[in-house]
Structures are given as structure tokens and as C-alpha cells.
């Protein structure tokens, strides 16, 4: 009976997605994630590239993986042969579970691929290339992603606040006693 329960526990742990298994945000090389630009991107002959582009993940589409809901990726975009070539360099994610949150921040090497499977996004017409905030596209990771969870100063402050308010184990709610300020 004990062996059966242990087997079930091991199976449950192995079936969990990688994000929930450790204090590391992990995705394999060639994983795809659906994303959108935060602000509209317009490139043209006069402005053929843009650095520090803000991108966020979305749950739409048929990507192989997802990132936490609260994520921002930083990337660069440029026009190349009537396509937008978009690559990413870094990301910061906050994964929440109730009042708890975990912060991940680090480097990511990924590039945008269009639905035709080609590198870059076919979003150009008459010399102007545009991505709106509503357009979903996929990023494909060039290498494995493994970012360790970082310290969360806000969580530490919240824990201290809870203890000071009598909610923590280290500071139980005091028994009813007369208020020394009352005369």
C-alpha cells in the first residue's frame, strides 16, 4: 500500500510542468511561446530598426510552452528583405501563487518566426512594416532557458509586515489586555 502511494507521488511530481518543479524558470531549446508587442512597432526606410522593444507573453495560439502571465521581454527589431527580424535578449517574469510571488530575470535568446515557418515576420507593405499590439506571433528559443529564482524584497517586507500585525508565528496575537493609553 505504501509503495502504491509513493509511486503515485513520484508520478505526480514527474507530470508537473517544469516551472512548478523547482526554483528555476526552464524552457528547452526550440520551445515556442506566443507573444505580442506592448507598443505598436512601425519600421520604415527612415527608421529601419528599433532597440529595446517591449514584448509580453499571451496564452493565445498553439505554442509549445508558456511563460508566466506577468513577463516582459526586451528585444530588437529591424527590416530585412521585407520582413521584421525580431530577436530577444532578456526577460523578467513574476510568477504568482496567491499572495506568494517568484521573480525571474535573465537572458533569453529567441527569435520571431512567422506562421510560414520562416525567420522574421511578414508584416511589411509598401516599404513600411508594422506590428500592432493585437498581433500575436511566436518566439522560438535558440537555446535552453534556465533562470534561477531571485530574491524577492517585496515578499520579505510582506512577511515582516504580517508578523508585525500578529499574523506570523513569531508574533502571535496578544491576549486581551487593557490599553495603557486609556485613562
Protein backbone atom coordinates (compact mmCIF):
# COMPACT_ATOMS: atom_id res chain seq x y z
CA UNK A 1 0.00 0.00 0.00
CA UNK A 2 2.79 2.43 0.89
CA UNK A 3 4.62 1.59 -2.34
CA UNK A 4 1.48 2.45 -4.33
CA UNK A 5 1.18 5.88 -2.67
CA UNK A 6 4.88 6.56 -3.19
CA UNK A 7 4.57 5.57 -6.86
CA UNK A 8 1.61 7.89 -7.28
CA UNK A 9 3.51 10.76 -5.64
CA UNK A 10 6.52 10.23 -7.91
CA UNK A 11 4.27 10.07 -10.98
CA UNK A 12 2.54 13.29 -9.94
CA UNK A 13 5.86 15.10 -9.47
CA UNK A 14 7.16 13.88 -12.83
CA UNK A 15 3.96 15.00 -14.57
CA UNK A 16 4.24 18.58 -13.26
CA UNK A 17 5.34 21.26 -15.73
CA UNK A 18 8.96 22.38 -15.37
CA UNK A 19 8.03 25.80 -13.95
CA UNK A 20 6.35 24.23 -10.93
CA UNK A 21 9.11 21.70 -10.15
CA UNK A 22 11.86 23.97 -8.87
CA UNK A 23 13.02 27.48 -8.21
CA UNK A 24 14.14 27.74 -11.85
CA UNK A 25 12.27 29.03 -14.89
CA UNK A 26 13.12 26.47 -17.56
CA UNK A 27 12.28 26.04 -21.24
CA UNK A 28 14.06 23.80 -23.76
CA UNK A 29 15.78 24.95 -26.94
CA UNK A 30 13.32 25.24 -29.86
CA UNK A 31 10.40 25.84 -27.46
CA UNK A 32 7.88 28.31 -28.86
CA UNK A 33 5.93 30.93 -26.89
CA UNK A 34 3.19 33.26 -28.10
CA UNK A 35 3.84 36.96 -27.61
CA UNK A 36 2.70 40.45 -28.58
CA UNK A 37 4.44 43.82 -28.66
CA UNK A 38 3.40 46.15 -25.84
CA UNK A 39 3.53 49.26 -28.03
CA UNK A 40 2.88 49.31 -31.77
CA UNK A 41 6.02 48.81 -33.84
CA UNK A 42 6.46 50.68 -37.11
CA UNK A 43 9.62 50.34 -39.18
CA UNK A 44 10.37 52.02 -42.49
CA UNK A 45 13.25 53.12 -44.68
CA UNK A 46 13.68 56.17 -42.42
CA UNK A 47 13.54 54.06 -39.23
CA UNK A 48 14.75 50.59 -40.24
CA UNK A 49 15.35 49.29 -36.71
CA UNK A 50 14.25 49.65 -33.12
CA UNK A 51 16.09 48.57 -29.99
CA UNK A 52 14.68 47.87 -26.53
CA UNK A 53 11.31 46.72 -27.84
CA UNK A 54 8.93 45.60 -25.06
CA UNK A 55 7.14 42.28 -25.60
CA UNK A 56 4.81 40.25 -23.36
CA UNK A 57 3.58 36.65 -23.48
CA UNK A 58 -0.01 35.74 -24.34
CA UNK A 59 -1.94 32.50 -23.95
CA UNK A 60 -3.45 32.55 -27.45
CA UNK A 61 -2.35 30.20 -30.21
CA UNK A 62 -0.59 26.90 -30.46
CA UNK A 63 2.84 27.48 -28.93
CA UNK A 64 4.63 24.55 -27.32
CA UNK A 65 5.18 26.36 -23.99
CA UNK A 66 4.01 29.34 -21.96
CA UNK A 67 5.75 31.89 -19.82
CA UNK A 68 4.29 33.26 -16.58
CA UNK A 69 1.49 35.75 -17.19
CA UNK A 70 3.47 38.66 -15.76
CA UNK A 71 6.52 38.76 -18.03
CA UNK A 72 8.31 41.39 -20.09
CA UNK A 73 10.83 40.50 -22.76
CA UNK A 74 13.25 43.01 -24.27
CA UNK A 75 14.16 42.68 -27.93
CA UNK A 76 15.35 44.37 -31.08
CA UNK A 77 13.63 44.59 -34.45
CA UNK A 78 14.86 45.56 -37.90
CA UNK A 79 13.71 45.37 -41.50
CA UNK A 80 15.39 42.69 -43.56
CA UNK A 81 14.14 41.70 -47.01
CA UNK A 82 10.54 42.85 -46.45
CA UNK A 83 10.31 41.06 -43.09
CA UNK A 84 10.64 42.18 -39.48
CA UNK A 85 13.57 40.34 -37.91
CA UNK A 86 12.87 40.35 -34.20
CA UNK A 87 15.19 38.87 -31.56
CA UNK A 88 15.16 38.96 -27.77
CA UNK A 89 17.93 39.42 -25.23
CA UNK A 90 16.36 39.48 -21.77
CA UNK A 91 13.23 38.81 -19.78
CA UNK A 92 11.82 39.49 -16.34
CA UNK A 93 8.92 37.41 -15.05
CA UNK A 94 6.91 37.38 -11.86
CA UNK A 95 5.03 34.17 -11.19
CA UNK A 96 2.30 34.46 -8.59
CA UNK A 97 0.52 31.90 -6.47
CA UNK A 98 -1.94 33.58 -4.14
CA UNK A 99 -0.03 36.10 -2.06
CA UNK A 100 3.31 34.49 -2.91
CA UNK A 101 5.39 35.60 -5.89
CA UNK A 102 8.62 34.47 -7.52
CA UNK A 103 10.86 36.70 -9.63
CA UNK A 104 12.97 35.50 -12.57
CA UNK A 105 15.21 37.83 -14.56
CA UNK A 106 17.91 36.95 -17.05
CA UNK A 107 18.98 36.45 -20.63
CA UNK A 108 16.90 34.77 -23.32
CA UNK A 109 17.93 34.06 -26.89
CA UNK A 110 14.84 33.79 -29.07
CA UNK A 111 13.68 34.94 -32.49
CA UNK A 112 10.32 35.60 -34.11
CA UNK A 113 9.12 33.12 -36.69
CA UNK A 114 6.09 33.63 -38.91
CA UNK A 115 3.30 31.12 -39.46
CA UNK A 116 5.09 30.06 -42.68
CA UNK A 117 7.96 28.78 -40.51
CA UNK A 118 10.44 31.33 -41.85
CA UNK A 119 12.60 33.54 -39.65
CA UNK A 120 11.09 37.01 -39.32
CA UNK A 121 7.55 38.30 -39.62
CA UNK A 122 5.94 39.07 -42.97
CA UNK A 123 4.39 42.33 -41.79
CA UNK A 124 5.59 44.76 -44.47
CA UNK A 125 3.66 46.60 -47.18
CA UNK A 126 4.96 49.30 -49.49
CA UNK A 127 8.19 49.76 -47.51
CA UNK A 128 6.50 50.08 -44.11
CA UNK A 129 6.50 47.25 -41.58
CA UNK A 130 4.04 47.26 -38.71
CA UNK A 131 3.16 45.11 -35.71
CA UNK A 132 0.12 46.14 -33.68
CA UNK A 133 -0.44 45.35 -30.03
CA UNK A 134 -3.14 42.84 -31.01
CA UNK A 135 -0.97 40.77 -33.38
CA UNK A 136 0.22 37.52 -31.82
CA UNK A 137 3.41 35.90 -33.08
CA UNK A 138 5.75 33.18 -31.87
CA UNK A 139 9.24 33.36 -30.48
CA UNK A 140 11.41 30.26 -30.83
CA UNK A 141 14.19 29.78 -28.30
CA UNK A 142 17.66 29.36 -29.78
CA UNK A 143 18.98 27.64 -26.65
CA UNK A 144 17.80 26.19 -23.35
CA UNK A 145 16.46 28.72 -20.87
CA UNK A 146 17.26 28.20 -17.18
CA UNK A 147 16.89 31.22 -14.91
CA UNK A 148 17.17 30.87 -11.14
CA UNK A 149 14.58 32.48 -8.90
CA UNK A 150 15.81 35.77 -7.48
CA UNK A 151 15.37 37.29 -4.05
CA UNK A 152 12.03 39.00 -3.69
CA UNK A 153 12.40 42.03 -1.38
CA UNK A 154 8.64 42.70 -1.51
CA UNK A 155 7.89 39.18 -0.21
CA UNK A 156 10.34 39.69 2.65
CA UNK A 157 8.74 43.04 3.53
CA UNK A 158 5.26 41.49 3.40
CA UNK A 159 6.39 38.67 5.71
CA UNK A 160 7.76 41.21 8.21
CA UNK A 161 4.51 43.18 7.97
CA UNK A 162 2.40 40.07 8.60
CA UNK A 163 4.48 39.24 11.66
CA UNK A 164 4.21 42.80 12.96
CA UNK A 165 0.41 42.65 12.54
CA UNK A 166 0.24 39.50 14.63
CA UNK A 167 -0.34 37.07 11.76
CA UNK A 168 3.04 35.37 11.87
CA UNK A 169 4.21 32.56 14.11
CA UNK A 170 6.95 34.77 15.56
CA UNK A 171 4.42 37.38 16.68
CA UNK A 172 1.16 35.79 17.83
CA UNK A 173 -1.82 37.99 18.56
CA UNK A 174 -1.56 39.11 22.18
CA UNK A 175 -4.25 38.25 24.67
CA UNK A 176 -6.82 40.89 25.58
CA UNK A 177 -5.17 43.37 27.90
CA UNK A 178 -6.06 46.88 28.95
CA UNK A 179 -4.74 49.60 26.67
CA UNK A 180 -2.05 51.56 28.56
CA UNK A 181 -3.12 54.75 26.78
CA UNK A 182 -6.65 54.56 28.23
CA UNK A 183 -7.08 56.51 31.50
